[in-house]
């Protein structure tokens, strides 16, 4: 790619920030565009669990997530780990025989794929996490290489470094039009503030709005509708030290005085019209049963967000040949995949070479 070419990254969540950071470090002229504030959308309202243990439905997807975990460790070495990177491992256990059997089968598969996983007892885990209320004999999966991430802080760090390299940020303005030349290639962007930009390349990293952005170039990108509710609670002292999937609720630290809660069971109530305050109460009650020390904690804020999941549940990453200069970076599990997709897509844009890790995730599998 010529240095004079201008790349517009639409959406400054963890994926967009990762792509733009990699491009700007290598001399590309980058313009970040975000309709809101960088890092404060889905990235900030995610369980933010860095893992591959929950990504075994397809081997290529598992391998991509393993690469994502490695890319996080590498990134922490480059930009520094403070305030965003927490590699403390992950715990998961069940409370009924069928779920427990499935969990142990998962551990066998992970071990067969050379993934570090340990099966411990509840009594052993309580030595790691004394605040947990769980039976001493229950089997617990511990994945020591997994982590959690403070997504907003990570985006802020990447964005600041990209801007220091010459990138430009346009926040609080949305893209309302994408202009193309007679050959169909990207030429201009029209923004909601009335301005326009001459650009050569567009990266669609717009998260839940990615389908809309794709439509601006007559591209059909089907997305799933999967809303999720996340609650933050405050406490004087955070009683847990790592991310965990307990029965009926997911719990992780969120700094020195905050904990994040999520549950797929509670998500299922969103479309019934349940009030977000009630969703938060259900999450809080479930968490207090697992961690009694959260009894005095207070619900701070709850938000329902729409996860950016392509229709087949796998990432859509790369160029769309019918629209020269248009690229997609759309995926669930953006927290895990952000650093590796950022690196690989930037390389594809700059060199034209597509990495084998992305072979199964081409955007053209969704024909327009």
Protein backbone atom coordinates (compact mmCIF):
# COMPACT_ATOMS: atom_id res chain seq x y z
CA UNK A 1 0.00 0.00 0.00
CA UNK A 2 1.28 3.48 -0.88
CA UNK A 3 1.92 5.76 2.07
CA UNK A 4 -0.32 8.42 0.48
CA UNK A 5 -3.41 6.21 0.69
CA UNK A 6 -5.92 7.15 3.40
CA UNK A 7 -7.67 4.50 5.50
CA UNK A 8 -10.93 5.24 7.31
CA UNK A 9 -11.65 2.91 10.22
CA UNK A 10 -15.39 3.03 11.00
CA UNK A 11 -16.00 2.07 14.61
CA UNK A 12 -13.45 2.47 17.39
CA UNK A 13 -14.12 -0.52 19.57
CA UNK A 14 -11.45 -3.11 20.25
CA UNK A 15 -11.42 -4.40 16.64
CA UNK A 16 -11.29 -0.99 14.97
CA UNK A 17 -8.68 0.28 17.41
CA UNK A 18 -6.54 -2.81 16.79
CA UNK A 19 -6.65 -2.47 13.01
CA UNK A 20 -5.98 1.28 13.08
CA UNK A 21 -3.15 0.98 15.60
CA UNK A 22 -1.37 -1.61 13.45
CA UNK A 23 -1.85 0.45 10.28
CA UNK A 24 -0.66 3.72 11.81
CA UNK A 25 2.47 2.11 13.26
CA UNK A 26 3.41 1.05 9.73
CA UNK A 27 2.99 4.48 8.22
CA UNK A 28 -0.57 4.40 6.90
CA UNK A 29 -2.68 7.56 7.10
CA UNK A 30 -5.55 6.53 9.37
CA UNK A 31 -8.79 8.31 10.24
CA UNK A 32 -10.82 6.80 13.07
CA UNK A 33 -14.57 7.50 12.91
CA UNK A 34 -16.93 6.67 15.74
CA UNK A 35 -20.59 7.64 16.14
CA UNK A 36 -20.16 7.71 19.91
CA UNK A 37 -17.06 7.72 22.08
CA UNK A 38 -14.21 5.28 21.41
CA UNK A 39 -14.35 2.08 23.45
CA UNK A 40 -17.66 2.91 25.15
CA UNK A 41 -19.97 0.68 23.10
CA UNK A 42 -20.03 -3.12 23.12
CA UNK A 43 -16.31 -3.17 23.98
CA UNK A 44 -17.03 -1.58 27.37
CA UNK A 45 -20.14 -3.71 27.95
CA UNK A 46 -18.74 -7.15 27.37
CA UNK A 47 -17.76 -9.89 29.77
CA UNK A 48 -14.29 -9.33 28.26
CA UNK A 49 -13.02 -12.86 28.75
CA UNK A 50 -9.94 -13.77 26.69
CA UNK A 51 -10.24 -17.47 25.89
CA UNK A 52 -10.36 -20.31 23.40
CA UNK A 53 -11.90 -22.91 25.72
CA UNK A 54 -15.39 -21.82 24.72
CA UNK A 55 -14.60 -21.78 20.97
CA UNK A 56 -14.38 -25.47 20.07
CA UNK A 57 -17.27 -25.66 17.59
CA UNK A 58 -14.80 -25.47 14.69
CA UNK A 59 -11.05 -26.17 14.84
CA UNK A 60 -10.14 -23.17 12.68
CA UNK A 61 -12.12 -20.88 14.99
CA UNK A 62 -10.44 -22.39 18.03
CA UNK A 63 -7.01 -21.87 16.45
CA UNK A 64 -7.84 -18.23 15.68
CA UNK A 65 -8.81 -17.65 19.31
CA UNK A 66 -5.64 -19.34 20.56
CA UNK A 67 -3.75 -16.93 18.30
CA UNK A 68 -5.81 -14.12 19.81
CA UNK A 69 -4.67 -15.09 23.29
CA UNK A 70 -1.03 -15.10 22.17
CA UNK A 71 -1.51 -11.73 20.44
CA UNK A 72 -2.75 -10.23 23.73
CA UNK A 73 0.38 -11.37 25.52
CA UNK A 74 2.54 -9.91 22.76
CA UNK A 75 0.58 -6.66 22.80
CA UNK A 76 1.02 -6.33 26.57
CA UNK A 77 4.76 -6.55 25.99
CA UNK A 78 4.63 -3.77 23.38
CA UNK A 79 2.26 -1.22 24.93
CA UNK A 80 2.50 -2.23 28.59
CA UNK A 81 -0.07 -4.29 30.52
CA UNK A 82 -1.13 -1.81 33.18
CA UNK A 83 -4.84 -0.97 33.57
CA UNK A 84 -6.10 -3.29 30.81
CA UNK A 85 -4.47 -6.77 30.89
CA UNK A 86 -5.32 -9.27 33.67
CA UNK A 87 -3.95 -12.78 32.90
CA UNK A 88 -5.23 -14.48 36.05
CA UNK A 89 -6.88 -17.56 34.48
CA UNK A 90 -10.51 -18.64 34.37
CA UNK A 91 -12.74 -21.00 36.39
CA UNK A 92 -15.86 -22.87 35.31
CA UNK A 93 -18.09 -25.37 37.11
CA UNK A 94 -21.62 -26.75 36.90
CA UNK A 95 -24.38 -27.70 39.33
CA UNK A 96 -26.12 -30.62 37.62
CA UNK A 97 -24.83 -34.01 36.39
CA UNK A 98 -25.51 -33.45 32.68
CA UNK A 99 -23.74 -30.10 32.59
CA UNK A 100 -20.90 -31.51 34.65
CA UNK A 101 -20.42 -34.39 32.20
CA UNK A 102 -20.35 -31.94 29.29
CA UNK A 103 -17.79 -29.83 31.11
CA UNK A 104 -15.46 -32.79 31.67
CA UNK A 105 -15.82 -33.84 28.03
CA UNK A 106 -14.83 -30.32 27.05
CA UNK A 107 -11.72 -30.60 29.22
CA UNK A 108 -10.74 -33.83 27.42
CA UNK A 109 -11.13 -32.19 24.01
CA UNK A 110 -9.11 -29.15 25.06
CA UNK A 111 -6.33 -31.34 26.39
CA UNK A 112 -6.31 -33.32 23.13
CA UNK A 113 -5.85 -30.01 21.30
CA UNK A 114 -2.86 -29.15 23.55
CA UNK A 115 -4.73 -26.44 25.43
CA UNK A 116 -3.77 -25.99 29.07
CA UNK A 117 -6.69 -27.03 31.27
CA UNK A 118 -6.75 -28.45 34.79
CA UNK A 119 -9.60 -30.23 36.57
CA UNK A 120 -9.57 -29.27 40.23
CA UNK A 121 -11.96 -29.85 43.12
CA UNK A 122 -14.04 -27.15 44.74
CA UNK A 123 -11.92 -27.49 47.88
CA UNK A 124 -8.74 -26.82 45.86
CA UNK A 125 -10.29 -23.86 44.08
CA UNK A 126 -11.35 -22.29 47.38
CA UNK A 127 -7.66 -21.96 48.19
CA UNK A 128 -7.40 -19.76 45.08
CA UNK A 129 -10.71 -17.99 45.65
CA UNK A 130 -11.63 -18.15 49.37
CA UNK A 131 -14.79 -16.05 48.88
CA UNK A 132 -16.50 -18.68 46.70
CA UNK A 133 -19.36 -20.77 48.05
CA UNK A 134 -19.08 -24.08 46.20
CA UNK A 135 -19.09 -27.73 47.30
CA UNK A 136 -15.69 -29.19 48.07
CA UNK A 137 -16.12 -32.20 45.78
CA UNK A 138 -17.43 -30.41 42.65
CA UNK A 139 -15.06 -30.59 39.64
CA UNK A 140 -13.88 -27.17 38.45
CA UNK A 141 -12.11 -26.43 35.17
CA UNK A 142 -9.20 -24.04 35.55
CA UNK A 143 -7.64 -22.57 32.39
CA UNK A 144 -4.49 -20.81 33.61
CA UNK A 145 -3.65 -19.09 30.32
CA UNK A 146 -6.98 -17.26 30.04
CA UNK A 147 -7.53 -13.68 31.12
CA UNK A 148 -9.89 -10.75 31.29
CA UNK A 149 -9.40 -7.35 29.71
CA UNK A 150 -10.56 -3.84 30.52
CA UNK A 151 -11.67 -3.10 26.95
CA UNK A 152 -12.18 0.64 27.25
CA UNK A 153 -8.71 1.11 28.71
CA UNK A 154 -7.18 -1.03 25.96
CA UNK A 155 -8.92 1.00 23.24
CA UNK A 156 -7.77 4.22 24.88
CA UNK A 157 -4.16 3.03 24.93
CA UNK A 158 -4.19 1.90 21.27
CA UNK A 159 -5.95 5.05 20.10
CA UNK A 160 -3.53 7.36 21.93
CA UNK A 161 -0.54 5.63 20.38
CA UNK A 162 -2.11 5.69 16.90
CA UNK A 163 -2.82 9.42 17.21
CA UNK A 164 0.79 9.95 18.32
CA UNK A 165 1.79 8.24 15.06
CA UNK A 166 -0.34 10.72 13.08
CA UNK A 167 -3.80 9.14 13.05
CA UNK A 168 -6.87 11.38 13.22
CA UNK A 169 -9.96 10.81 15.38
CA UNK A 170 -13.47 11.91 14.43
CA UNK A 171 -15.78 10.94 17.32
CA UNK A 172 -19.44 11.78 17.81
CA UNK A 173 -20.13 11.61 14.08
CA UNK A 174 -21.54 8.75 12.02
CA UNK A 175 -20.93 7.70 8.43
CA UNK A 176 -24.03 8.40 6.34
CA UNK A 177 -22.65 7.69 2.88
CA UNK A 178 -19.76 5.93 1.11
CA UNK A 179 -18.95 7.13 -2.38
CA UNK A 180 -17.33 4.97 -5.03
CA UNK A 181 -15.66 5.70 -8.36
CA UNK A 182 -16.66 4.47 -11.81
CA UNK A 183 -14.67 1.30 -11.19
CA UNK A 184 -16.59 0.64 -7.96
CA UNK A 185 -13.67 1.42 -5.66
CA UNK A 186 -13.92 3.47 -2.47
CA UNK A 187 -13.50 7.24 -2.94
CA UNK A 188 -15.29 9.31 -0.28
CA UNK A 189 -17.12 9.24 3.04
CA UNK A 190 -20.01 11.55 3.95
CA UNK A 191 -20.35 12.16 7.70
CA UNK A 192 -23.38 13.12 9.77
CA UNK A 193 -21.76 16.41 10.78
CA UNK A 194 -21.96 17.53 7.15
CA UNK A 195 -18.29 17.00 6.33
CA UNK A 196 -16.81 14.63 3.79
CA UNK A 197 -13.50 12.80 3.54
CA UNK A 198 -11.49 11.62 0.57
CA UNK A 199 -10.40 8.08 1.36
CA UNK A 200 -8.97 5.10 -0.48
CA UNK A 201 -9.81 2.32 1.96
CA UNK A 202 -12.63 1.73 4.44
CA UNK A 203 -12.52 -0.75 7.31
CA UNK A 204 -15.99 -1.62 8.55
CA UNK A 205 -15.48 -2.29 12.27
CA UNK A 206 -18.82 -0.78 13.24
CA UNK A 207 -19.91 -3.62 15.54
CA UNK A 208 -23.71 -3.80 15.81
CA UNK A 209 -23.96 -1.18 13.03
CA UNK A 210 -21.75 -3.16 10.66
CA UNK A 211 -24.67 -4.39 8.56
CA UNK A 212 -25.84 -0.80 8.06
CA UNK A 213 -22.35 0.35 7.03
CA UNK A 214 -22.08 -2.59 4.62
CA UNK A 215 -25.37 -1.51 3.07
CA UNK A 216 -23.81 1.84 2.16
CA UNK A 217 -21.74 -0.02 -0.47
CA UNK A 218 -24.69 -2.26 -1.48
CA UNK A 219 -23.18 -5.12 0.49
CA UNK A 220 -25.41 -7.64 2.28
CA UNK A 221 -23.96 -8.61 5.66
CA UNK A 222 -26.51 -10.68 7.60
CA UNK A 223 -26.22 -10.38 11.37
CA UNK A 224 -27.76 -12.27 14.28
CA UNK A 225 -29.85 -10.50 16.86
CA UNK A 226 -28.39 -11.50 20.23
CA UNK A 227 -28.79 -8.83 22.90
CA UNK A 228 -26.89 -9.17 26.14
CA UNK A 229 -27.30 -7.54 29.55
CA UNK A 230 -24.21 -6.64 31.58
CA UNK A 231 -24.31 -5.21 35.11
CA UNK A 232 -21.58 -3.47 37.07
CA UNK A 233 -21.70 -3.56 40.85
CA UNK A 234 -19.55 -1.65 43.30
CA UNK A 235 -18.02 -3.06 46.46
CA UNK A 236 -15.55 -1.88 49.06
CA UNK A 237 -13.24 -4.77 48.21
CA UNK A 238 -13.41 -6.98 45.12
CA UNK A 239 -13.65 -10.50 46.59
CA UNK A 240 -12.64 -12.48 43.47
CA UNK A 241 -9.39 -12.42 41.57
CA UNK A 242 -10.27 -13.88 38.17
CA UNK A 243 -13.05 -14.37 35.64
CA UNK A 244 -15.36 -17.30 36.29
CA UNK A 245 -18.43 -19.06 34.92
CA UNK A 246 -20.44 -20.24 37.90
CA UNK A 247 -23.81 -21.95 37.48
CA UNK A 248 -26.31 -19.34 36.24
CA UNK A 249 -23.96 -16.33 36.37
CA UNK A 250 -20.61 -15.10 35.08
CA UNK A 251 -18.47 -12.98 37.41
CA UNK A 252 -15.21 -11.11 36.95
CA UNK A 253 -13.31 -8.27 38.62
CA UNK A 254 -13.49 -4.84 36.99
CA UNK A 255 -10.84 -2.88 38.81
CA UNK A 256 -10.32 -2.26 42.51
CA UNK A 257 -13.92 -1.57 43.52
CA UNK A 258 -16.14 -3.00 40.78
CA UNK A 259 -17.37 -6.40 39.54
CA UNK A 260 -19.01 -7.27 36.21
CA UNK A 261 -21.92 -9.73 35.99
CA UNK A 262 -23.50 -11.48 33.02
CA UNK A 263 -25.71 -14.52 32.39
CA UNK A 264 -27.05 -16.17 29.25
CA UNK A 265 -30.12 -17.16 31.27
CA UNK A 266 -30.82 -13.52 32.06
CA UNK A 267 -30.16 -12.55 28.43
CA UNK A 268 -33.04 -14.85 27.46
CA UNK A 269 -35.40 -12.54 29.37
CA UNK A 270 -34.48 -9.40 27.42
CA UNK A 271 -36.95 -9.98 24.58
CA UNK A 272 -39.75 -10.69 27.06
CA UNK A 273 -39.71 -6.99 27.89
CA UNK A 274 -38.22 -7.44 31.35
CA UNK A 275 -37.09 -4.13 32.84
CA UNK A 276 -33.27 -3.72 32.89
CA UNK A 277 -33.45 -2.98 36.62
CA UNK A 278 -35.02 -6.40 37.16
CA UNK A 279 -32.36 -8.04 34.97
CA UNK A 280 -29.74 -6.39 37.16
CA UNK A 281 -31.44 -7.62 40.32
CA UNK A 282 -31.47 -11.20 38.99
CA UNK A 283 -27.78 -11.00 38.14
CA UNK A 284 -26.96 -9.51 41.53
CA UNK A 285 -28.91 -12.20 43.40
CA UNK A 286 -27.22 -15.00 41.44
CA UNK A 287 -23.78 -13.52 42.10
CA UNK A 288 -24.40 -13.22 45.84
CA UNK A 289 -25.27 -16.91 46.02
CA UNK A 290 -21.87 -17.74 44.53
CA UNK A 291 -19.89 -15.03 46.34
CA UNK A 292 -21.64 -14.20 49.64
CA UNK A 293 -19.21 -11.31 50.22
CA UNK A 294 -21.06 -9.46 47.44
CA UNK A 295 -24.06 -9.18 49.76
CA UNK A 296 -23.23 -5.57 50.58
CA UNK A 297 -22.37 -4.60 47.00
CA UNK A 298 -24.48 -2.09 45.08
CA UNK A 299 -25.75 -2.14 41.50
CA UNK A 300 -24.16 0.80 39.68
CA UNK A 301 -25.29 0.48 36.09
CA UNK A 302 -26.82 -2.02 33.68
CA UNK A 303 -26.74 -1.89 29.91
CA UNK A 304 -28.28 -4.04 27.20
CA UNK A 305 -26.10 -4.18 24.07
CA UNK A 306 -26.38 -6.01 20.77
CA UNK A 307 -23.48 -8.32 20.04
CA UNK A 308 -21.95 -7.96 16.55
CA UNK A 309 -22.38 -11.55 15.35
CA UNK A 310 -22.50 -12.44 11.63
CA UNK A 311 -25.33 -14.80 10.71
CA UNK A 312 -23.24 -18.01 10.84
CA UNK A 313 -21.65 -16.92 14.17
CA UNK A 314 -18.12 -16.72 12.72
CA UNK A 315 -16.01 -13.61 12.00
CA UNK A 316 -16.23 -11.72 8.73
CA UNK A 317 -12.72 -10.39 8.17
CA UNK A 318 -11.04 -9.17 5.02
CA UNK A 319 -11.68 -7.59 1.65
CA UNK A 320 -14.82 -7.75 -0.43
CA UNK A 321 -13.63 -8.12 -4.05
CA UNK A 322 -16.76 -6.52 -5.52
CA UNK A 323 -15.94 -3.25 -3.72
CA UNK A 324 -12.20 -2.49 -4.06
CA UNK A 325 -10.92 -0.78 -0.96
CA UNK A 326 -13.68 -2.04 1.35
CA UNK A 327 -12.72 -4.37 4.23
CA UNK A 328 -14.66 -5.90 7.13
CA UNK A 329 -13.65 -6.57 10.72
CA UNK A 330 -16.87 -7.89 12.25
CA UNK A 331 -16.91 -10.55 14.94
CA UNK A 332 -18.29 -11.79 18.20
CA UNK A 333 -15.56 -12.34 20.84
CA UNK A 334 -13.90 -9.12 19.75
CA UNK A 335 -12.09 -8.88 23.07
CA UNK A 336 -10.24 -12.15 22.45
CA UNK A 337 -9.79 -11.59 18.73
CA UNK A 338 -9.08 -7.84 18.59
CA UNK A 339 -5.27 -7.95 18.67
CA UNK A 340 -4.88 -10.84 16.21
CA UNK A 341 -7.52 -9.58 13.76
CA UNK A 342 -6.03 -6.12 14.03
CA UNK A 343 -2.60 -7.41 13.08
CA UNK A 344 -3.71 -9.81 10.34
CA UNK A 345 -6.15 -7.43 8.66
CA UNK A 346 -3.65 -4.57 8.72
CA UNK A 347 -1.13 -6.88 7.06
CA UNK A 348 -3.69 -7.86 4.41
CA UNK A 349 -4.46 -4.19 3.69
CA UNK A 350 -0.78 -3.22 3.48
CA UNK A 351 0.60 -6.22 1.59
CA UNK A 352 -2.37 -7.85 -0.12
CA UNK A 353 -1.44 -11.13 1.60
CA UNK A 354 -4.13 -13.02 3.49
CA UNK A 355 -3.03 -15.13 6.44
CA UNK A 356 -4.15 -18.77 6.58
CA UNK A 357 -5.66 -18.20 10.03
CA UNK A 358 -8.39 -16.18 8.30
CA UNK A 359 -9.03 -18.71 5.51
CA UNK A 360 -12.45 -19.78 6.83
CA UNK A 361 -13.67 -16.27 7.63
CA UNK A 362 -13.82 -14.51 4.25
CA UNK A 363 -16.59 -11.91 3.89
CA UNK A 364 -17.57 -13.24 0.46
CA UNK A 365 -19.24 -16.26 2.05
CA UNK A 366 -22.16 -13.83 2.41
CA UNK A 367 -22.86 -12.97 -1.25
CA UNK A 368 -24.47 -9.61 -1.94
